[in-house]
Amino acid sequence: MGELFTFFGVISHNHAWIFVTHMLLSAGIVLLLARMAMKNLRVVPTGTQNVMEAYLDGVMAMGSDVMGKEDARKYLPLVATIGLFVAVANLIGIIPGFEAPSAFLDFTLALALVVFVYYNFEGIRRNGAVAYFKHFMGPVWWLAWLMFPIEIVSHISRIISLSFRLFGNIKGDDMFLMVILMLAPWLLPMIPFALLTFMALLQAFIFMMLTYVYLGGAVLISEDH
């Protein structure tokens, strides 16, 4: 969105520059939040530690519903980190003068590929390559010739689904905010700001939930899930 003013855009309007600077800013904010939460750990948490522990408890509860408490705890670091990173990346785009890195397909596609590679790796590691790919053939052996290519296409389509869902929603939000700021730059945008904040957090939640679902489907193939 070259028409949108950004502070980093004062230096250069290059697509790669805008994307990388905002992505690094998001990563820096996430690291700062983690640092603040762990700086003075207490038995009774306060401040940032309290917020982050509540966040981790929420992610843990969500994962437990999908794949059980033990597995949810194992994959908590990955899912919670992705969720926090995506949430921050979405939210900074709401602040005038900044652009959400998740409004760039480069960002969302990279995250989708990370999730895709990791859950397939875990599925193979936990179940073995033969058992993992065997479940692609479905429960009926004489339909294996049909089910296997369908499953392959289904798994590959998850990359498109994860990346384009996040990219499309945040890009649309950015365009909506730009129009609102052009038409009514003062009091009226307060309502859209609240709506966009909700949508930014919702998209982070959806990304985390789908990551847990894909991980659960890969590592629990021998169970009735």
Protein backbone atom coordinates (compact mmCIF):
# COMPACT_ATOMS: atom_id res chain seq x y z
CA MET A 1 0.00 0.00 0.00
CA GLY A 2 2.21 2.76 -1.26
CA GLU A 3 -0.46 5.41 -0.60
CA LEU A 4 -0.37 4.80 3.14
CA PHE A 5 2.07 6.95 5.13
CA THR A 6 4.49 5.07 7.36
CA PHE A 7 7.35 6.36 9.47
CA PHE A 8 9.72 3.82 7.94
CA GLY A 9 8.47 4.83 4.51
CA VAL A 10 10.12 8.22 5.01
CA ILE A 11 13.45 6.44 4.54
CA SER A 12 12.36 4.30 1.60
CA HIS A 13 9.12 3.17 -0.05
CA ASN A 14 10.70 -0.08 -1.15
CA HIS A 15 8.39 -3.06 -0.52
CA ALA A 16 11.11 -5.18 1.09
CA TRP A 17 12.22 -2.32 3.36
CA ILE A 18 8.71 -1.62 4.63
CA PHE A 19 8.03 -5.31 5.22
CA VAL A 20 11.32 -6.16 6.94
CA THR A 21 11.34 -3.11 9.22
CA HIS A 22 7.79 -3.70 10.43
CA MET A 23 8.43 -7.43 10.86
CA LEU A 24 11.54 -6.72 12.95
CA LEU A 25 9.58 -4.15 14.95
CA SER A 26 6.94 -6.78 15.71
CA ALA A 27 9.59 -9.32 16.72
CA GLY A 28 11.27 -6.69 18.92
CA ILE A 29 7.99 -5.95 20.71
CA VAL A 30 7.42 -9.66 21.33
CA LEU A 31 10.93 -10.07 22.75
CA LEU A 32 10.43 -6.97 24.91
CA LEU A 33 7.17 -8.35 26.31
CA ALA A 34 8.86 -11.66 27.10
CA ARG A 35 11.75 -9.85 28.75
CA MET A 36 9.43 -7.70 30.85
CA ALA A 37 7.41 -10.75 31.92
CA MET A 38 10.51 -12.69 33.02
CA LYS A 39 12.51 -9.83 34.51
CA ASN A 40 11.19 -10.19 38.07
CA LEU A 41 9.39 -13.51 38.31
CA ARG A 42 7.13 -13.79 41.36
CA VAL A 43 5.00 -16.53 42.87
CA VAL A 44 2.04 -14.14 42.78
CA PRO A 45 2.37 -12.58 39.31
CA THR A 46 1.78 -8.90 38.68
CA GLY A 47 1.94 -6.59 35.68
CA THR A 48 3.30 -8.06 32.47
CA GLN A 49 4.02 -11.43 34.09
CA ASN A 50 0.36 -11.70 35.08
CA VAL A 51 -0.82 -10.87 31.56
CA MET A 52 1.57 -13.30 29.90
CA GLU A 53 0.70 -16.13 32.32
CA ALA A 54 -2.99 -15.57 31.63
CA TYR A 55 -2.25 -15.68 27.90
CA LEU A 56 -0.28 -18.93 28.21
CA ASP A 57 -3.03 -20.48 30.34
CA GLY A 58 -5.56 -19.58 27.66
CA VAL A 59 -3.44 -21.08 24.87
CA MET A 60 -2.85 -24.17 26.98
CA ALA A 61 -6.58 -24.61 27.61
CA MET A 62 -7.29 -24.23 23.90
CA GLY A 63 -4.68 -26.83 23.00
CA SER A 64 -5.89 -29.26 25.68
CA ASP A 65 -9.34 -29.30 24.09
CA VAL A 66 -7.79 -30.19 20.74
CA MET A 67 -5.06 -32.73 21.54
CA GLY A 68 -4.99 -33.37 25.27
CA LYS A 69 -3.08 -31.65 28.04
CA GLU A 70 0.23 -33.51 27.66
CA ASP A 71 0.63 -32.85 23.93
CA ALA A 72 -0.73 -29.32 24.25
CA ARG A 73 1.95 -28.50 26.81
CA LYS A 74 4.64 -29.95 24.54
CA TYR A 75 3.71 -27.70 21.63
CA LEU A 76 2.78 -24.68 23.76
CA PRO A 77 6.05 -22.76 23.10
CA LEU A 78 5.59 -22.91 19.33
CA VAL A 79 1.87 -22.10 19.26
CA ALA A 80 2.05 -19.36 21.90
CA THR A 81 5.02 -17.70 20.19
CA ILE A 82 3.29 -17.76 16.80
CA GLY A 83 0.08 -16.40 18.34
CA LEU A 84 1.84 -13.54 20.11
CA PHE A 85 3.90 -12.69 17.04
CA VAL A 86 0.85 -12.66 14.77
CA ALA A 87 -1.19 -10.61 17.26
CA VAL A 88 1.50 -7.94 17.57
CA ALA A 89 2.06 -7.95 13.80
CA ASN A 90 -1.66 -7.40 13.28
CA LEU A 91 -2.07 -4.76 15.97
CA ILE A 92 0.74 -2.41 14.93
CA GLY A 93 -1.02 -1.91 11.61
CA ILE A 94 -3.86 -0.19 13.46
CA ILE A 95 -1.51 2.52 14.74
CA PRO A 96 -1.28 5.38 12.22
CA GLY A 97 2.22 5.57 10.75
CA PHE A 98 2.81 1.82 10.84
CA GLU A 99 1.80 -1.03 8.56
CA ALA A 100 1.02 -4.56 9.66
CA PRO A 101 3.66 -7.01 8.37
CA SER A 102 0.86 -9.58 8.22
CA ALA A 103 -0.62 -7.46 5.41
CA PHE A 104 2.28 -8.76 3.31
CA LEU A 105 1.93 -12.23 1.78
CA ASP A 106 5.65 -12.82 2.42
CA PHE A 107 4.98 -12.85 6.16
CA THR A 108 1.88 -15.04 6.21
CA LEU A 109 3.28 -17.52 3.68
CA ALA A 110 6.46 -17.94 5.72
CA LEU A 111 4.45 -18.68 8.88
CA ALA A 112 2.19 -21.10 7.01
CA LEU A 113 5.22 -22.97 5.66
CA VAL A 114 6.73 -23.19 9.15
CA VAL A 115 3.53 -24.74 10.50
CA PHE A 116 3.19 -27.07 7.48
CA VAL A 117 6.76 -28.38 7.68
CA TYR A 118 6.70 -28.72 11.46
CA TYR A 119 3.44 -30.64 11.84
CA ASN A 120 4.42 -33.06 9.06
CA PHE A 121 7.83 -33.51 10.67
CA GLU A 122 6.21 -34.23 14.04
CA GLY A 123 3.75 -36.64 12.46
CA ILE A 124 6.57 -38.61 10.87
CA ARG A 125 8.74 -38.46 14.01
CA ARG A 126 5.96 -39.62 16.33
CA ASN A 127 4.40 -42.30 14.13
CA GLY A 128 7.08 -43.25 11.61
CA ALA A 129 7.05 -42.39 7.91
CA VAL A 130 5.17 -45.53 6.84
CA ALA A 131 2.35 -45.20 9.38
CA TYR A 132 2.07 -41.46 8.84
CA PHE A 133 1.66 -41.62 5.08
CA LYS A 134 -0.44 -44.78 5.34
CA HIS A 135 -3.18 -42.83 7.12
CA PHE A 136 -3.42 -40.63 4.01
CA MET A 137 -4.97 -43.66 2.27
CA GLY A 138 -8.06 -43.65 4.46
CA PRO A 139 -9.75 -46.51 6.33
CA VAL A 140 -10.95 -48.37 3.21
CA TRP A 141 -8.08 -50.05 1.35
CA TRP A 142 -9.78 -50.21 -2.05
CA LEU A 143 -10.28 -46.44 -2.04
CA ALA A 144 -6.62 -45.75 -1.27
CA TRP A 145 -5.90 -44.82 -4.90
CA LEU A 146 -8.46 -42.01 -4.60
CA MET A 147 -7.94 -40.92 -1.00
CA PHE A 148 -4.15 -40.55 -1.13
CA PRO A 149 -4.01 -37.77 -3.80
CA ILE A 150 -6.99 -36.07 -2.17
CA GLU A 151 -5.17 -36.02 1.18
CA ILE A 152 -1.99 -34.67 -0.44
CA VAL A 153 -3.92 -31.84 -2.09
CA SER A 154 -5.78 -31.20 1.17
CA HIS A 155 -2.55 -30.83 3.13
CA ILE A 156 -0.94 -28.57 0.54
CA SER A 157 -4.07 -26.42 0.48
CA ARG A 158 -3.53 -25.73 4.18
CA ILE A 159 -0.55 -23.56 3.22
CA ILE A 160 -2.81 -21.47 1.00
CA SER A 161 -5.58 -21.41 3.59
CA LEU A 162 -3.35 -20.30 6.47
CA SER A 163 -1.44 -17.68 4.50
CA PHE A 164 -4.23 -16.14 2.42
CA ARG A 165 -6.78 -16.07 5.27
CA LEU A 166 -4.49 -13.99 7.47
CA PHE A 167 -3.12 -11.90 4.61
CA GLY A 168 -6.55 -11.16 3.13
CA ASN A 169 -8.16 -10.18 6.42
CA ILE A 170 -5.36 -7.89 7.58
CA LYS A 171 -4.86 -6.35 4.14
CA GLY A 172 -8.58 -5.64 3.99
CA ASP A 173 -8.47 -4.11 7.47
CA ASP A 174 -5.60 -1.85 6.44
CA MET A 175 -7.49 -0.64 3.39
CA PHE A 176 -10.63 -0.09 5.46
CA LEU A 177 -8.67 1.94 8.02
CA MET A 178 -7.06 4.03 5.28
CA VAL A 179 -10.48 4.91 3.85
CA ILE A 180 -11.85 5.79 7.29
CA LEU A 181 -8.87 8.04 8.06
CA MET A 182 -9.29 9.81 4.73
CA LEU A 183 -13.01 10.43 5.25
CA ALA A 184 -13.11 11.17 8.98
CA PRO A 185 -9.64 11.55 10.52
CA TRP A 186 -10.69 12.53 14.05
CA LEU A 187 -13.45 11.17 16.31
CA LEU A 188 -15.23 8.69 14.03
CA PRO A 189 -12.31 6.23 13.65
CA MET A 190 -12.52 5.32 17.36
CA ILE A 191 -15.26 2.78 16.61
CA PRO A 192 -13.41 1.18 13.66
CA PHE A 193 -10.23 1.08 15.79
CA ALA A 194 -12.05 -1.06 18.37
CA LEU A 195 -13.41 -3.35 15.64
CA LEU A 196 -9.99 -3.69 13.97
CA THR A 197 -8.37 -4.51 17.32
CA PHE A 198 -10.89 -7.30 17.83
CA MET A 199 -10.30 -8.61 14.31
CA ALA A 200 -6.50 -8.53 14.79
CA LEU A 201 -6.75 -10.65 17.94
CA LEU A 202 -9.33 -12.95 16.34
CA GLN A 203 -7.03 -13.72 13.40
CA ALA A 204 -4.19 -14.55 15.80
CA PHE A 205 -6.53 -16.88 17.71
CA ILE A 206 -7.62 -18.63 14.49
CA PHE A 207 -3.99 -19.13 13.43
CA MET A 208 -3.14 -20.67 16.80
CA MET A 209 -6.20 -22.91 16.79
CA LEU A 210 -5.49 -24.21 13.28
CA THR A 211 -1.87 -24.87 14.24
CA TYR A 212 -3.02 -27.00 17.17
CA VAL A 213 -5.58 -28.79 14.97
CA TYR A 214 -2.99 -29.62 12.31
CA LEU A 215 -0.51 -30.80 14.93
CA GLY A 216 -3.17 -32.92 16.61
CA GLY A 217 -4.18 -34.49 13.32
CA ALA A 218 -0.56 -35.35 12.55
CA VAL A 219 0.58 -36.81 15.88
CA LEU A 220 -2.65 -38.54 16.98
CA ILE A 221 -3.36 -40.58 13.86
CA SER A 222 -3.65 -43.83 15.84
CA GLU A 223 -6.41 -42.45 18.06
CA ASP A 224 -10.05 -41.65 17.34
CA HIS A 225 -9.64 -37.84 17.02
